[in-house]
Amino acid sequence: MPGFAMTRIAQSLKMPGLFVIRRSIAVGSVLDDLVLILECSKPEEWDGSVRFFPL
């Protein structure tokens, strides 16, 4: 999935933001990061980006 998203971004195609969560990361840690993202940013700020957790 990240490869597909990065290809679309490189081709200047519209792509919503993608968060990639490694299976080894604790669920609580991921939820904390997601809450922080929701509280401190707007959804469109993540458009055209691929981010890996933990941030």
Protein backbone atom coordinates (compact mmCIF):
# COMPACT_ATOMS: atom_id res chain seq x y z
CA MET A 1 0.00 0.00 0.00
CA PRO A 2 2.69 2.63 0.79
CA GLY A 3 4.36 1.98 -2.54
CA PHE A 4 1.10 2.56 -4.43
CA ALA A 5 0.50 5.79 -2.51
CA MET A 6 4.02 7.07 -3.11
CA THR A 7 3.69 6.33 -6.83
CA ARG A 8 0.47 8.35 -7.02
CA ILE A 9 2.09 11.23 -5.15
CA ALA A 10 5.13 11.16 -7.45
CA GLN A 11 2.76 11.36 -10.44
CA SER A 12 1.00 14.40 -8.89
CA LEU A 13 -2.25 12.45 -8.62
CA LYS A 14 -4.66 13.20 -5.81
CA MET A 15 -4.03 11.04 -2.80
CA PRO A 16 -5.45 11.34 0.71
CA GLY A 17 -2.96 11.06 3.51
CA LEU A 18 -1.91 7.54 4.44
CA PHE A 19 -0.77 6.45 7.88
CA VAL A 20 1.23 3.22 7.92
CA ILE A 21 1.23 1.43 11.26
CA ARG A 22 3.81 -1.23 11.93
CA ARG A 23 2.36 -4.33 13.56
CA SER A 24 4.98 -4.20 16.30
CA ILE A 25 3.69 -0.86 17.64
CA ALA A 26 1.46 -0.96 20.72
CA VAL A 27 -2.17 -0.06 20.02
CA GLY A 28 -2.21 2.49 22.85
CA SER A 29 0.73 4.34 21.34
CA VAL A 30 -0.97 4.50 17.94
CA LEU A 31 -4.20 5.77 19.49
CA ASP A 32 -2.30 8.49 21.36
CA ASP A 33 -0.70 9.64 18.09
CA LEU A 34 -4.05 9.60 16.27
CA VAL A 35 -5.72 11.68 18.99
CA LEU A 36 -2.87 14.19 18.80
CA ILE A 37 -3.23 14.38 15.01
CA LEU A 38 -7.00 14.89 15.24
CA GLU A 39 -6.66 17.63 17.85
CA CYS A 40 -3.77 19.54 16.29
CA SER A 41 -4.28 19.43 12.54
CA LYS A 42 -6.80 19.54 9.73
CA PRO A 43 -7.43 16.50 7.51
CA GLU A 44 -6.29 18.32 4.36
CA GLU A 45 -2.88 18.93 5.91
CA TRP A 46 -2.13 15.23 5.42
CA ASP A 47 -3.19 15.04 1.76
CA GLY A 48 -0.47 13.75 -0.51
CA SER A 49 1.67 12.30 2.26
CA VAL A 50 2.63 8.92 3.65
CA ARG A 51 3.52 8.84 7.34
CA PHE A 52 4.83 5.93 9.35
CA PHE A 53 3.90 5.33 12.98
CA PRO A 54 5.20 6.09 15.47
CA LEU A 55 5.47 9.71 14.38
